[in-house]
Amino acid sequence: MKSRRRYRRIAAGGSGFTLIELLVSSAILALMVSIVYGTFSRATAATDKAEKFIDINHAARFIVDRMMDDLASASLPANNTKAVFLGEPGASEEGGRLDKITFYGYGRRLIMPGAASDQAIVSWYAVRTPDKKAYTLIRSESFNVTGEPKEDDPSAAAFAVTENLVSMEIGYKTAGQPDAEWGEAFDSKESKTVPDVVSVKFTLRDEGGNEVIRSALMPVGEKL
């Protein structure tokens, strides 16, 4: 009987955790969860920022490559009296410029590399991006080449290149004037020709603060 009562006292008082031990264990567990969650959140944020930076860099490369390809086909065909090459400067709310460029060149491409078909009116311009402190860069092309270029041409196919445009400054230099300053505007109706070289400088910035600035010199009319 004595040994049985003694076993009951040991079983009742010598096993389990005290309240203080439970509280300490809970605090340690909560601290570990907090550390792991914080590390995971920072890693996720860093990954998201890196992906956005890659996106705007990809957009910047696309702008340079595509605009250079477009300008390489720009010309004033003798059989088209409506053909023009226009460079129009515009103002950005952040102090930079938001220029527009319109010219006659080639739009759609054949399957064969290097071949071009279909004369087109190509335009690059910016419009305000809704709910963002940036602009959408638009590239449009219209195959109604018998009329004057119009931004609201219903037959034009418009493509939103990026919604993170901050500024786009375009300069023009005409052949035969190597010492001339870069002009901010160009009108082929006055010069009766296209510029020799176009300079393009633009800035992209996303909502995470990533910023990319690109500039390039683009020859005009090299691919006819």
N, C-alpha and C. Protein backbone atom coordinates (compact mmCIF):
# COMPACT_ATOMS: atom_id res chain seq x y z
N MET A 1 0.82 -1.20 0.00
CA MET A 1 0.00 0.00 0.00
C MET A 1 0.85 1.25 0.00
N LYS A 2 1.92 1.26 0.87
CA LYS A 2 2.79 2.44 0.92
C LYS A 2 3.49 2.67 -0.42
N SER A 3 3.97 1.60 -1.03
CA SER A 3 4.67 1.77 -2.31
C SER A 3 3.71 2.24 -3.40
N ARG A 4 2.45 1.80 -3.33
CA ARG A 4 1.48 2.22 -4.33
C ARG A 4 1.16 3.70 -4.20
N ARG A 5 1.00 4.22 -2.96
CA ARG A 5 0.73 5.64 -2.76
C ARG A 5 1.92 6.50 -3.19
N ARG A 6 3.11 5.97 -2.90
CA ARG A 6 4.32 6.70 -3.29
C ARG A 6 4.42 6.83 -4.81
N TYR A 7 4.06 5.81 -5.55
CA TYR A 7 4.11 5.82 -7.01
C TYR A 7 3.12 6.85 -7.55
N ARG A 8 1.96 6.92 -6.92
CA ARG A 8 0.96 7.88 -7.37
C ARG A 8 1.45 9.32 -7.17
N ARG A 9 2.15 9.59 -6.04
CA ARG A 9 2.65 10.94 -5.78
C ARG A 9 3.72 11.32 -6.80
N ILE A 10 4.58 10.37 -7.12
CA ILE A 10 5.65 10.64 -8.11
C ILE A 10 5.05 10.88 -9.49
N ALA A 11 4.06 10.05 -9.86
CA ALA A 11 3.42 10.18 -11.17
C ALA A 11 2.68 11.49 -11.29
N ALA A 12 2.06 11.94 -10.21
CA ALA A 12 1.28 13.17 -10.24
C ALA A 12 2.17 14.41 -10.23
N GLY A 13 3.27 14.40 -9.52
CA GLY A 13 4.07 15.60 -9.36
C GLY A 13 5.35 15.62 -10.13
N GLY A 14 5.81 14.54 -10.74
CA GLY A 14 7.11 14.51 -11.39
C GLY A 14 7.08 14.51 -12.89
N SER A 15 5.93 14.67 -13.51
CA SER A 15 5.85 14.66 -14.98
C SER A 15 5.14 15.91 -15.46
N GLY A 16 5.26 16.23 -16.87
CA GLY A 16 4.60 17.39 -17.47
C GLY A 16 5.46 18.65 -17.38
N PHE A 17 4.90 19.79 -17.93
CA PHE A 17 5.60 21.07 -17.95
C PHE A 17 4.90 22.07 -17.05
N THR A 18 5.68 22.94 -16.48
CA THR A 18 5.10 24.00 -15.67
C THR A 18 4.62 25.12 -16.59
N LEU A 19 3.83 26.04 -16.07
CA LEU A 19 3.31 27.16 -16.86
C LEU A 19 4.44 28.05 -17.37
N ILE A 20 5.45 28.24 -16.54
CA ILE A 20 6.59 29.08 -16.94
C ILE A 20 7.32 28.44 -18.12
N GLU A 21 7.51 27.12 -18.07
CA GLU A 21 8.19 26.42 -19.16
C GLU A 21 7.40 26.54 -20.46
N LEU A 22 6.07 26.45 -20.39
CA LEU A 22 5.23 26.59 -21.57
C LEU A 22 5.33 27.99 -22.16
N LEU A 23 5.34 29.01 -21.30
CA LEU A 23 5.44 30.39 -21.76
C LEU A 23 6.78 30.65 -22.43
N VAL A 24 7.85 30.13 -21.84
CA VAL A 24 9.19 30.32 -22.41
C VAL A 24 9.28 29.62 -23.77
N SER A 25 8.76 28.42 -23.85
CA SER A 25 8.78 27.67 -25.11
C SER A 25 7.99 28.40 -26.20
N SER A 26 6.82 28.94 -25.82
CA SER A 26 6.00 29.68 -26.79
C SER A 26 6.71 30.93 -27.29
N ALA A 27 7.40 31.61 -26.36
CA ALA A 27 8.12 32.82 -26.75
C ALA A 27 9.26 32.50 -27.71
N ILE A 28 9.99 31.42 -27.44
CA ILE A 28 11.09 31.02 -28.32
C ILE A 28 10.56 30.63 -29.70
N LEU A 29 9.44 29.89 -29.73
CA LEU A 29 8.84 29.49 -30.99
C LEU A 29 8.37 30.69 -31.80
N ALA A 30 7.74 31.65 -31.11
CA ALA A 30 7.27 32.86 -31.79
C ALA A 30 8.44 33.65 -32.37
N LEU A 31 9.54 33.72 -31.62
CA LEU A 31 10.73 34.43 -32.10
C LEU A 31 11.31 33.76 -33.34
N MET A 32 11.37 32.44 -33.33
CA MET A 32 11.89 31.71 -34.49
C MET A 32 11.01 31.91 -35.72
N VAL A 33 9.69 31.86 -35.51
CA VAL A 33 8.76 32.07 -36.62
C VAL A 33 8.92 33.48 -37.19
N SER A 34 9.09 34.47 -36.29
CA SER A 34 9.26 35.85 -36.72
C SER A 34 10.53 36.03 -37.55
N ILE A 35 11.62 35.40 -37.11
CA ILE A 35 12.89 35.49 -37.85
C ILE A 35 12.77 34.85 -39.22
N VAL A 36 12.17 33.65 -39.26
CA VAL A 36 12.02 32.95 -40.54
C VAL A 36 11.12 33.74 -41.47
N TYR A 37 10.01 34.28 -40.96
CA TYR A 37 9.08 35.05 -41.80
C TYR A 37 9.74 36.32 -42.33
N GLY A 38 10.50 37.00 -41.46
CA GLY A 38 11.19 38.21 -41.89
C GLY A 38 12.20 37.93 -42.98
N THR A 39 12.95 36.85 -42.83
CA THR A 39 13.93 36.47 -43.84
C THR A 39 13.25 36.13 -45.16
N PHE A 40 12.16 35.41 -45.07
CA PHE A 40 11.42 35.03 -46.27
C PHE A 40 10.83 36.25 -46.97
N SER A 41 10.30 37.20 -46.19
CA SER A 41 9.70 38.41 -46.76
C SER A 41 10.76 39.25 -47.47
N ARG A 42 11.94 39.38 -46.83
CA ARG A 42 13.00 40.16 -47.47
C ARG A 42 13.49 39.49 -48.74
N ALA A 43 13.59 38.18 -48.73
CA ALA A 43 14.02 37.46 -49.92
C ALA A 43 13.00 37.60 -51.05
N THR A 44 11.71 37.53 -50.69
CA THR A 44 10.65 37.69 -51.69
C THR A 44 10.67 39.09 -52.29
N ALA A 45 10.84 40.11 -51.42
CA ALA A 45 10.87 41.49 -51.90
C ALA A 45 12.07 41.72 -52.82
N ALA A 46 13.22 41.15 -52.46
CA ALA A 46 14.42 41.31 -53.28
C ALA A 46 14.24 40.63 -54.63
N THR A 47 13.62 39.46 -54.62
CA THR A 47 13.37 38.73 -55.88
C THR A 47 12.41 39.51 -56.76
N ASP A 48 11.35 40.07 -56.16
CA ASP A 48 10.37 40.83 -56.92
C ASP A 48 11.01 42.07 -57.54
N LYS A 49 11.87 42.77 -56.78
CA LYS A 49 12.54 43.95 -57.30
C LYS A 49 13.48 43.59 -58.44
N ALA A 50 14.19 42.47 -58.29
CA ALA A 50 15.11 42.03 -59.35
C ALA A 50 14.34 41.68 -60.62
N GLU A 51 13.19 41.03 -60.47
CA GLU A 51 12.39 40.68 -61.65
C GLU A 51 11.87 41.92 -62.36
N LYS A 52 11.44 42.94 -61.59
CA LYS A 52 10.97 44.17 -62.20
C LYS A 52 12.11 44.90 -62.91
N PHE A 53 13.31 44.86 -62.32
CA PHE A 53 14.46 45.49 -62.94
C PHE A 53 14.80 44.80 -64.27
N ILE A 54 14.68 43.48 -64.28
CA ILE A 54 14.90 42.72 -65.52
C ILE A 54 13.86 43.10 -66.56
N ASP A 55 12.62 43.30 -66.12
CA ASP A 55 11.53 43.64 -67.05
C ASP A 55 11.78 44.98 -67.73
N ILE A 56 12.16 46.02 -66.96
CA ILE A 56 12.35 47.33 -67.60
C ILE A 56 13.62 47.35 -68.45
N ASN A 57 14.63 46.55 -68.09
CA ASN A 57 15.81 46.43 -68.93
C ASN A 57 15.46 45.76 -70.26
N HIS A 58 14.60 44.75 -70.19
CA HIS A 58 14.15 44.07 -71.41
C HIS A 58 13.36 45.05 -72.27
N ALA A 59 12.50 45.86 -71.65
CA ALA A 59 11.73 46.85 -72.40
C ALA A 59 12.65 47.87 -73.05
N ALA A 60 13.70 48.29 -72.34
CA ALA A 60 14.65 49.27 -72.88
C ALA A 60 15.37 48.70 -74.11
N ARG A 61 15.79 47.45 -74.03
CA ARG A 61 16.46 46.83 -75.18
C ARG A 61 15.52 46.72 -76.36
N PHE A 62 14.26 46.38 -76.09
CA PHE A 62 13.28 46.26 -77.18
C PHE A 62 13.06 47.60 -77.86
N ILE A 63 12.96 48.68 -77.08
CA ILE A 63 12.74 50.01 -77.66
C ILE A 63 13.88 50.38 -78.59
N VAL A 64 15.12 50.20 -78.13
CA VAL A 64 16.28 50.56 -78.95
C VAL A 64 16.31 49.72 -80.23
N ASP A 65 16.16 48.40 -80.10
CA ASP A 65 16.24 47.51 -81.26
C ASP A 65 15.13 47.79 -82.27
N ARG A 66 13.90 47.93 -81.78
CA ARG A 66 12.77 48.10 -82.70
C ARG A 66 12.77 49.47 -83.35
N MET A 67 13.07 50.52 -82.59
CA MET A 67 13.09 51.86 -83.16
C MET A 67 14.22 51.99 -84.18
N MET A 68 15.37 51.38 -83.88
CA MET A 68 16.48 51.41 -84.82
C MET A 68 16.11 50.70 -86.12
N ASP A 69 15.42 49.58 -86.01
CA ASP A 69 14.98 48.83 -87.19
C ASP A 69 13.96 49.63 -87.99
N ASP A 70 13.05 50.32 -87.28
CA ASP A 70 12.05 51.14 -87.97
C ASP A 70 12.71 52.29 -88.73
N LEU A 71 13.62 53.00 -88.07
CA LEU A 71 14.27 54.15 -88.70
C LEU A 71 15.16 53.74 -89.86
N ALA A 72 15.66 52.52 -89.82
CA ALA A 72 16.51 52.04 -90.91
C ALA A 72 15.73 51.92 -92.22
N SER A 73 14.41 51.85 -92.13
CA SER A 73 13.60 51.73 -93.34
C SER A 73 12.90 53.04 -93.71
N ALA A 74 13.12 54.11 -92.95
CA ALA A 74 12.44 55.38 -93.20
C ALA A 74 12.90 56.00 -94.51
N SER A 75 11.97 56.57 -95.26
CA SER A 75 12.30 57.19 -96.54
C SER A 75 11.16 58.11 -96.97
N LEU A 76 11.40 58.85 -98.03
CA LEU A 76 10.38 59.69 -98.66
C LEU A 76 10.21 59.20 -100.10
N PRO A 77 9.36 58.20 -100.32
CA PRO A 77 9.20 57.64 -101.67
C PRO A 77 8.76 58.70 -102.67
N ALA A 78 9.37 58.70 -103.82
CA ALA A 78 9.06 59.71 -104.84
C ALA A 78 7.64 59.59 -105.35
N ASN A 79 7.08 58.38 -105.29
CA ASN A 79 5.73 58.17 -105.81
C ASN A 79 4.65 58.43 -104.77
N ASN A 80 5.02 58.94 -103.59
CA ASN A 80 4.04 59.22 -102.54
C ASN A 80 4.23 60.66 -102.06
N THR A 81 3.39 61.54 -102.52
CA THR A 81 3.52 62.95 -102.14
C THR A 81 3.10 63.22 -100.70
N LYS A 82 2.44 62.26 -100.07
CA LYS A 82 2.00 62.42 -98.69
C LYS A 82 3.06 61.97 -97.68
N ALA A 83 4.11 61.36 -98.17
CA ALA A 83 5.13 60.83 -97.26
C ALA A 83 5.82 61.97 -96.51
N VAL A 84 6.00 61.77 -95.21
CA VAL A 84 6.63 62.79 -94.37
C VAL A 84 7.55 62.12 -93.34
N PHE A 85 8.40 62.93 -92.77
CA PHE A 85 9.20 62.54 -91.61
C PHE A 85 9.07 63.68 -90.62
N LEU A 86 8.37 63.43 -89.50
CA LEU A 86 8.08 64.49 -88.54
C LEU A 86 8.65 64.15 -87.16
N GLY A 87 9.32 65.12 -86.57
CA GLY A 87 9.77 65.00 -85.20
C GLY A 87 9.17 66.14 -84.40
N GLU A 88 8.35 65.79 -83.40
CA GLU A 88 7.62 66.80 -82.64
C GLU A 88 8.00 66.73 -81.17
N PRO A 89 8.61 67.78 -80.62
CA PRO A 89 8.96 67.77 -79.19
C PRO A 89 7.72 67.96 -78.31
N GLY A 90 7.74 67.33 -77.14
CA GLY A 90 6.65 67.47 -76.18
C GLY A 90 7.20 67.58 -74.78
N ALA A 91 6.36 68.00 -73.84
CA ALA A 91 6.80 68.24 -72.47
C ALA A 91 6.31 67.14 -71.53
N SER A 92 7.18 66.76 -70.60
CA SER A 92 6.83 65.80 -69.54
C SER A 92 6.58 66.55 -68.25
N GLU A 93 5.72 66.01 -67.39
CA GLU A 93 5.43 66.66 -66.12
C GLU A 93 6.63 66.68 -65.18
N GLU A 94 7.61 65.84 -65.42
CA GLU A 94 8.79 65.80 -64.58
C GLU A 94 9.92 66.66 -65.13
N GLY A 95 9.63 67.44 -66.14
CA GLY A 95 10.64 68.35 -66.66
C GLY A 95 11.35 67.87 -67.90
N GLY A 96 11.33 66.58 -68.17
CA GLY A 96 11.96 66.06 -69.38
C GLY A 96 11.02 66.22 -70.58
N ARG A 97 11.44 65.71 -71.71
CA ARG A 97 10.61 65.80 -72.90
C ARG A 97 9.95 64.46 -73.20
N LEU A 98 8.83 64.55 -73.85
CA LEU A 98 8.12 63.37 -74.34
C LEU A 98 7.89 63.59 -75.83
N ASP A 99 8.91 63.33 -76.62
CA ASP A 99 8.86 63.63 -78.05
C ASP A 99 8.07 62.57 -78.81
N LYS A 100 7.60 62.98 -79.97
CA LYS A 100 6.87 62.08 -80.86
C LYS A 100 7.59 62.07 -82.20
N ILE A 101 7.67 60.90 -82.82
CA ILE A 101 8.30 60.78 -84.13
C ILE A 101 7.39 59.97 -85.06
N THR A 102 7.19 60.49 -86.27
CA THR A 102 6.33 59.84 -87.26
C THR A 102 7.04 59.85 -88.61
N PHE A 103 7.05 58.72 -89.28
CA PHE A 103 7.74 58.66 -90.57
C PHE A 103 7.18 57.53 -91.42
N TYR A 104 7.52 57.58 -92.70
CA TYR A 104 7.12 56.53 -93.63
C TYR A 104 8.25 55.52 -93.75
N GLY A 105 7.90 54.26 -93.55
CA GLY A 105 8.89 53.19 -93.64
C GLY A 105 8.19 51.89 -93.96
N TYR A 106 8.66 50.83 -93.33
CA TYR A 106 8.05 49.52 -93.53
C TYR A 106 7.56 48.98 -92.19
N GLY A 107 6.38 48.37 -92.22
CA GLY A 107 5.80 47.84 -91.00
C GLY A 107 5.94 46.34 -90.92
N ARG A 108 4.97 45.62 -91.43
CA ARG A 108 5.00 44.16 -91.37
C ARG A 108 6.20 43.62 -92.13
N ARG A 109 6.74 42.51 -91.64
CA ARG A 109 7.91 41.88 -92.27
C ARG A 109 7.54 40.52 -92.85
N LEU A 110 8.18 40.18 -93.97
CA LEU A 110 8.00 38.85 -94.53
C LEU A 110 8.74 37.82 -93.68
N ILE A 111 8.48 36.55 -93.93
CA ILE A 111 9.15 35.49 -93.18
C ILE A 111 10.64 35.47 -93.49
N MET A 112 11.00 35.80 -94.72
CA MET A 112 12.41 35.78 -95.11
C MET A 112 13.19 36.85 -94.35
N PRO A 113 14.30 36.51 -93.71
CA PRO A 113 15.09 37.48 -92.95
C PRO A 113 15.57 38.63 -93.82
N GLY A 114 15.43 39.85 -93.28
CA GLY A 114 15.94 41.01 -93.99
C GLY A 114 15.00 41.57 -95.03
N ALA A 115 13.96 40.83 -95.38
CA ALA A 115 13.03 41.33 -96.39
C ALA A 115 11.94 42.14 -95.73
N ALA A 116 11.43 43.13 -96.45
CA ALA A 116 10.38 43.98 -95.89
C ALA A 116 9.24 44.10 -96.90
N SER A 117 8.05 44.30 -96.40
CA SER A 117 6.91 44.48 -97.27
C SER A 117 5.96 45.46 -96.63
N ASP A 118 5.14 46.09 -97.46
CA ASP A 118 4.08 46.97 -96.99
C ASP A 118 4.61 48.28 -96.41
N GLN A 119 4.55 49.30 -97.20
CA GLN A 119 4.90 50.63 -96.73
C GLN A 119 3.92 51.05 -95.65
N ALA A 120 4.40 51.72 -94.64
CA ALA A 120 3.55 52.05 -93.50
C ALA A 120 3.93 53.40 -92.91
N ILE A 121 2.99 53.99 -92.18
CA ILE A 121 3.25 55.17 -91.38
C ILE A 121 3.54 54.68 -89.96
N VAL A 122 4.75 54.86 -89.49
CA VAL A 122 5.15 54.39 -88.17
C VAL A 122 5.25 55.57 -87.22
N SER A 123 4.68 55.42 -86.03
CA SER A 123 4.73 56.48 -85.03
C SER A 123 5.15 55.93 -83.67
N TRP A 124 5.96 56.71 -82.96
CA TRP A 124 6.31 56.43 -81.57
C TRP A 124 5.91 57.65 -80.75
N TYR A 125 5.07 57.46 -79.73
CA TYR A 125 4.61 58.59 -78.92
C TYR A 125 4.18 58.10 -77.54
N ALA A 126 3.96 59.05 -76.64
CA ALA A 126 3.62 58.70 -75.26
C ALA A 126 2.23 59.22 -74.90
N VAL A 127 1.53 58.44 -74.08
CA VAL A 127 0.25 58.86 -73.52
C VAL A 127 0.29 58.61 -72.01
N ARG A 128 -0.51 59.35 -71.28
CA ARG A 128 -0.51 59.23 -69.83
C ARG A 128 -0.98 57.84 -69.40
N THR A 129 -0.25 57.23 -68.48
CA THR A 129 -0.64 55.92 -67.94
C THR A 129 -1.62 56.14 -66.79
N PRO A 130 -2.82 55.58 -66.85
CA PRO A 130 -3.79 55.77 -65.78
C PRO A 130 -3.27 55.28 -64.43
N ASP A 131 -3.50 56.09 -63.39
CA ASP A 131 -3.18 55.73 -62.00
C ASP A 131 -1.68 55.51 -61.77
N LYS A 132 -0.82 56.06 -62.63
CA LYS A 132 0.61 55.91 -62.43
C LYS A 132 1.30 57.24 -62.74
N LYS A 133 2.46 57.44 -62.12
CA LYS A 133 3.25 58.63 -62.37
C LYS A 133 4.22 58.39 -63.53
N ALA A 134 3.69 57.87 -64.60
CA ALA A 134 4.52 57.55 -65.76
C ALA A 134 3.64 57.61 -67.00
N TYR A 135 4.25 57.28 -68.13
CA TYR A 135 3.55 57.33 -69.40
C TYR A 135 3.68 55.98 -70.10
N THR A 136 2.73 55.73 -70.99
CA THR A 136 2.78 54.53 -71.81
C THR A 136 3.39 54.89 -73.16
N LEU A 137 4.43 54.17 -73.53
CA LEU A 137 5.07 54.39 -74.82
C LEU A 137 4.33 53.55 -75.86
N ILE A 138 3.83 54.22 -76.88
CA ILE A 138 3.03 53.56 -77.92
C ILE A 138 3.82 53.51 -79.23
N ARG A 139 3.81 52.36 -79.87
CA ARG A 139 4.28 52.25 -81.25
C ARG A 139 3.08 51.87 -82.10
N SER A 140 2.82 52.67 -83.12
CA SER A 140 1.69 52.37 -84.01
C SER A 140 2.15 52.37 -85.45
N GLU A 141 1.43 51.64 -86.27
CA GLU A 141 1.71 51.64 -87.70
C GLU A 141 0.39 51.59 -88.45
N SER A 142 0.30 52.40 -89.48
CA SER A 142 -0.89 52.45 -90.32
C SER A 142 -0.47 52.20 -91.76
N PHE A 143 -1.24 51.40 -92.44
CA PHE A 143 -0.93 51.07 -93.83
C PHE A 143 -1.77 51.89 -94.80
N ASN A 144 -2.47 52.89 -94.25
CA ASN A 144 -3.20 53.84 -95.09
C ASN A 144 -2.24 54.98 -95.44
N VAL A 145 -1.30 54.69 -96.34
CA VAL A 145 -0.21 55.62 -96.62
C VAL A 145 -0.55 56.68 -97.65
N THR A 146 -1.80 56.73 -98.10
CA THR A 146 -2.18 57.73 -99.09
C THR A 146 -2.71 59.01 -98.45
N GLY A 147 -2.85 59.00 -97.11
CA GLY A 147 -3.36 60.18 -96.42
C GLY A 147 -2.34 60.75 -95.46
N GLU A 148 -2.72 61.85 -94.79
CA GLU A 148 -1.84 62.47 -93.81
C GLU A 148 -1.78 61.60 -92.55
N PRO A 149 -0.63 61.53 -91.89
CA PRO A 149 -0.53 60.75 -90.65
C PRO A 149 -1.45 61.31 -89.57
N LYS A 150 -2.21 60.44 -88.91
CA LYS A 150 -3.12 60.85 -87.84
C LYS A 150 -2.95 59.91 -86.65
N GLU A 151 -2.84 60.50 -85.45
CA GLU A 151 -2.66 59.68 -84.25
C GLU A 151 -3.90 58.84 -83.96
N ASP A 152 -5.10 59.35 -84.33
CA ASP A 152 -6.35 58.63 -84.05
C ASP A 152 -6.83 57.85 -85.28
N ASP A 153 -5.93 57.50 -86.17
CA ASP A 153 -6.29 56.74 -87.37
C ASP A 153 -6.89 55.40 -86.95
N PRO A 154 -8.16 55.12 -87.29
CA PRO A 154 -8.79 53.86 -86.87
C PRO A 154 -8.15 52.64 -87.49
N SER A 155 -7.43 52.80 -88.59
CA SER A 155 -6.80 51.65 -89.24
C SER A 155 -5.42 51.35 -88.66
N ALA A 156 -4.93 52.22 -87.78
CA ALA A 156 -3.59 52.03 -87.21
C ALA A 156 -3.60 50.94 -86.14
N ALA A 157 -2.55 50.14 -86.13
CA ALA A 157 -2.39 49.10 -85.11
C ALA A 157 -1.44 49.64 -84.05
N ALA A 158 -1.97 49.89 -82.85
CA ALA A 158 -1.18 50.47 -81.76
C ALA A 158 -0.75 49.39 -80.79
N PHE A 159 0.48 49.50 -80.32
CA PHE A 159 1.05 48.53 -79.41
C PHE A 159 1.68 49.26 -78.23
N ALA A 160 1.26 48.91 -77.01
CA ALA A 160 1.83 49.52 -75.80
C ALA A 160 3.16 48.84 -75.48
N VAL A 161 4.26 49.54 -75.69
CA VAL A 161 5.58 48.97 -75.49
C VAL A 161 5.91 48.84 -74.01
N THR A 162 5.65 49.90 -73.23
CA THR A 162 5.90 49.89 -71.80
C THR A 162 5.03 50.95 -71.14
N GLU A 163 4.69 50.72 -69.87
CA GLU A 163 3.90 51.69 -69.11
C GLU A 163 4.77 52.45 -68.12
N ASN A 164 6.08 52.36 -68.27
CA ASN A 164 7.00 52.96 -67.30
C ASN A 164 7.88 54.06 -67.89
N LEU A 165 7.40 54.72 -68.93
CA LEU A 165 8.18 55.77 -69.57
C LEU A 165 8.11 57.06 -68.75
N VAL A 166 9.26 57.65 -68.48
CA VAL A 166 9.35 58.93 -67.78
C VAL A 166 9.63 60.06 -68.77
N SER A 167 10.55 59.84 -69.68
CA SER A 167 10.88 60.86 -70.68
C SER A 167 11.45 60.18 -71.92
N MET A 168 11.32 60.88 -73.05
CA MET A 168 11.92 60.39 -74.30
C MET A 168 12.31 61.61 -75.13
N GLU A 169 13.62 61.82 -75.26
CA GLU A 169 14.13 62.97 -75.99
C GLU A 169 14.77 62.50 -77.30
N ILE A 170 14.31 63.09 -78.40
CA ILE A 170 14.77 62.69 -79.73
C ILE A 170 15.40 63.89 -80.42
N GLY A 171 16.60 63.69 -80.97
CA GLY A 171 17.29 64.75 -81.70
C GLY A 171 17.53 64.34 -83.14
N TYR A 172 17.75 65.35 -84.00
CA TYR A 172 17.88 65.09 -85.44
C TYR A 172 19.07 65.86 -86.00
N LYS A 173 19.81 65.19 -86.89
CA LYS A 173 20.92 65.83 -87.60
C LYS A 173 20.82 65.43 -89.06
N THR A 174 20.92 66.44 -89.94
CA THR A 174 20.76 66.21 -91.37
C THR A 174 22.10 65.96 -92.05
N ALA A 175 22.09 65.14 -93.06
CA ALA A 175 23.31 64.85 -93.82
C ALA A 175 23.87 66.12 -94.42
N GLY A 176 25.20 66.21 -94.47
CA GLY A 176 25.84 67.39 -95.02
C GLY A 176 26.04 68.50 -94.02
N GLN A 177 25.63 68.29 -92.78
CA GLN A 177 25.80 69.29 -91.74
C GLN A 177 26.44 68.65 -90.51
N PRO A 178 27.65 68.17 -90.63
CA PRO A 178 28.29 67.45 -89.52
C PRO A 178 28.54 68.32 -88.29
N ASP A 179 28.68 69.65 -88.50
CA ASP A 179 28.96 70.54 -87.38
C ASP A 179 27.70 71.17 -86.81
N ALA A 180 26.57 70.87 -87.39
CA ALA A 180 25.32 71.48 -86.92
C ALA A 180 24.90 70.87 -85.59
N GLU A 181 24.19 71.64 -84.80
CA GLU A 181 23.68 71.15 -83.52
C GLU A 181 22.48 70.22 -83.77
N TRP A 182 22.26 69.38 -82.79
CA TRP A 182 21.11 68.49 -82.89
C TRP A 182 19.83 69.31 -82.74
N GLY A 183 18.89 69.08 -83.64
CA GLY A 183 17.61 69.76 -83.55
C GLY A 183 16.61 68.95 -82.76
N GLU A 184 15.71 69.64 -82.06
CA GLU A 184 14.68 68.96 -81.26
C GLU A 184 13.44 68.67 -82.08
N ALA A 185 13.35 69.24 -83.28
CA ALA A 185 12.19 69.03 -84.14
C ALA A 185 12.68 68.81 -85.57
N PHE A 186 11.82 68.17 -86.36
CA PHE A 186 12.18 67.93 -87.76
C PHE A 186 10.89 67.85 -88.58
N ASP A 187 10.94 68.48 -89.78
CA ASP A 187 9.79 68.44 -90.69
C ASP A 187 10.31 68.30 -92.11
N SER A 188 10.05 67.15 -92.70
CA SER A 188 10.55 66.89 -94.05
C SER A 188 9.89 67.78 -95.09
N LYS A 189 8.76 68.39 -94.77
CA LYS A 189 8.11 69.29 -95.72
C LYS A 189 8.94 70.55 -95.93
N GLU A 190 9.74 70.88 -94.92
CA GLU A 190 10.60 72.05 -95.03
C GLU A 190 11.97 71.68 -95.59
N SER A 191 12.53 70.55 -95.12
CA SER A 191 13.88 70.17 -95.54
C SER A 191 13.90 69.36 -96.83
N LYS A 192 12.74 68.79 -97.20
CA LYS A 192 12.62 67.94 -98.40
C LYS A 192 13.50 66.69 -98.33
N THR A 193 13.83 66.28 -97.15
CA THR A 193 14.66 65.08 -96.97
C THR A 193 14.40 64.50 -95.59
N VAL A 194 15.05 63.39 -95.29
CA VAL A 194 14.98 62.80 -93.95
C VAL A 194 16.29 63.11 -93.23
N PRO A 195 16.31 63.07 -91.92
CA PRO A 195 17.58 63.31 -91.21
C PRO A 195 18.57 62.19 -91.49
N ASP A 196 19.82 62.50 -91.30
CA ASP A 196 20.87 61.50 -91.51
C ASP A 196 20.94 60.56 -90.31
N VAL A 197 20.86 61.14 -89.12
CA VAL A 197 20.96 60.37 -87.88
C VAL A 197 19.94 60.90 -86.88
N VAL A 198 19.38 59.99 -86.11
CA VAL A 198 18.46 60.34 -85.02
C VAL A 198 19.08 59.89 -83.70
N SER A 199 19.07 60.77 -82.71
CA SER A 199 19.53 60.40 -81.37
C SER A 199 18.31 60.21 -80.48
N VAL A 200 18.32 59.16 -79.71
CA VAL A 200 17.20 58.85 -78.83
C VAL A 200 17.72 58.62 -77.41
N LYS A 201 17.13 59.31 -76.44
CA LYS A 201 17.46 59.10 -75.04
C LYS A 201 16.15 59.01 -74.26
N PHE A 202 15.98 57.94 -73.52
CA PHE A 202 14.74 57.76 -72.77
C PHE A 202 15.02 57.20 -71.38
N THR A 203 14.06 57.43 -70.49
CA THR A 203 14.16 56.96 -69.11
C THR A 203 12.93 56.13 -68.78
N LEU A 204 13.16 54.96 -68.20
CA LEU A 204 12.08 54.10 -67.70
C LEU A 204 12.21 53.99 -66.19
N ARG A 205 11.09 54.02 -65.49
CA ARG A 205 11.11 53.87 -64.03
C ARG A 205 9.86 53.12 -63.59
N ASP A 206 10.03 52.04 -62.81
CA ASP A 206 8.88 51.28 -62.36
C ASP A 206 8.44 51.75 -60.98
N GLU A 207 7.35 51.15 -60.46
CA GLU A 207 6.79 51.57 -59.18
C GLU A 207 7.70 51.22 -58.01
N GLY A 208 8.64 50.29 -58.21
CA GLY A 208 9.56 49.92 -57.15
C GLY A 208 10.78 50.83 -57.08
N GLY A 209 10.87 51.81 -57.97
CA GLY A 209 11.99 52.73 -57.96
C GLY A 209 13.14 52.34 -58.87
N ASN A 210 13.04 51.20 -59.53
CA ASN A 210 14.07 50.81 -60.50
C ASN A 210 14.06 51.79 -61.68
N GLU A 211 15.22 52.24 -62.09
CA GLU A 211 15.30 53.21 -63.19
C GLU A 211 16.35 52.78 -64.20
N VAL A 212 16.00 52.93 -65.47
CA VAL A 212 16.91 52.61 -66.57
C VAL A 212 16.95 53.78 -67.53
N ILE A 213 18.14 54.22 -67.88
CA ILE A 213 18.32 55.30 -68.85
C ILE A 213 19.11 54.75 -70.03
N ARG A 214 18.59 54.93 -71.23
CA ARG A 214 19.25 54.45 -72.43
C ARG A 214 19.36 55.58 -73.46
N SER A 215 20.44 55.55 -74.22
CA SER A 215 20.60 56.50 -75.32
C SER A 215 21.27 55.76 -76.48
N ALA A 216 20.92 56.18 -77.70
CA ALA A 216 21.46 55.52 -78.89
C ALA A 216 21.41 56.46 -80.07
N LEU A 217 22.36 56.27 -80.98
CA LEU A 217 22.36 56.97 -82.26
C LEU A 217 21.85 56.00 -83.32
N MET A 218 20.86 56.44 -84.10
CA MET A 218 20.21 55.55 -85.04
C MET A 218 20.28 56.13 -86.45
N PRO A 219 20.95 55.45 -87.40
CA PRO A 219 20.99 55.92 -88.78
C PRO A 219 19.61 55.79 -89.42
N VAL A 220 19.32 56.67 -90.34
CA VAL A 220 18.01 56.69 -91.00
C VAL A 220 18.15 56.24 -92.45
N GLY A 221 17.26 55.36 -92.87
CA GLY A 221 17.19 54.97 -94.28
C GLY A 221 18.29 54.06 -94.75
N GLU A 222 18.87 53.27 -93.86
CA GLU A 222 19.95 52.36 -94.27
C GLU A 222 19.43 51.04 -94.82
N LYS A 223 18.18 50.72 -94.51
CA LYS A 223 17.61 49.44 -94.96
C LYS A 223 16.42 49.72 -95.86
N LEU A 224 16.66 49.83 -97.15
CA LEU A 224 15.60 50.16 -98.11
C LEU A 224 15.43 49.02 -99.10
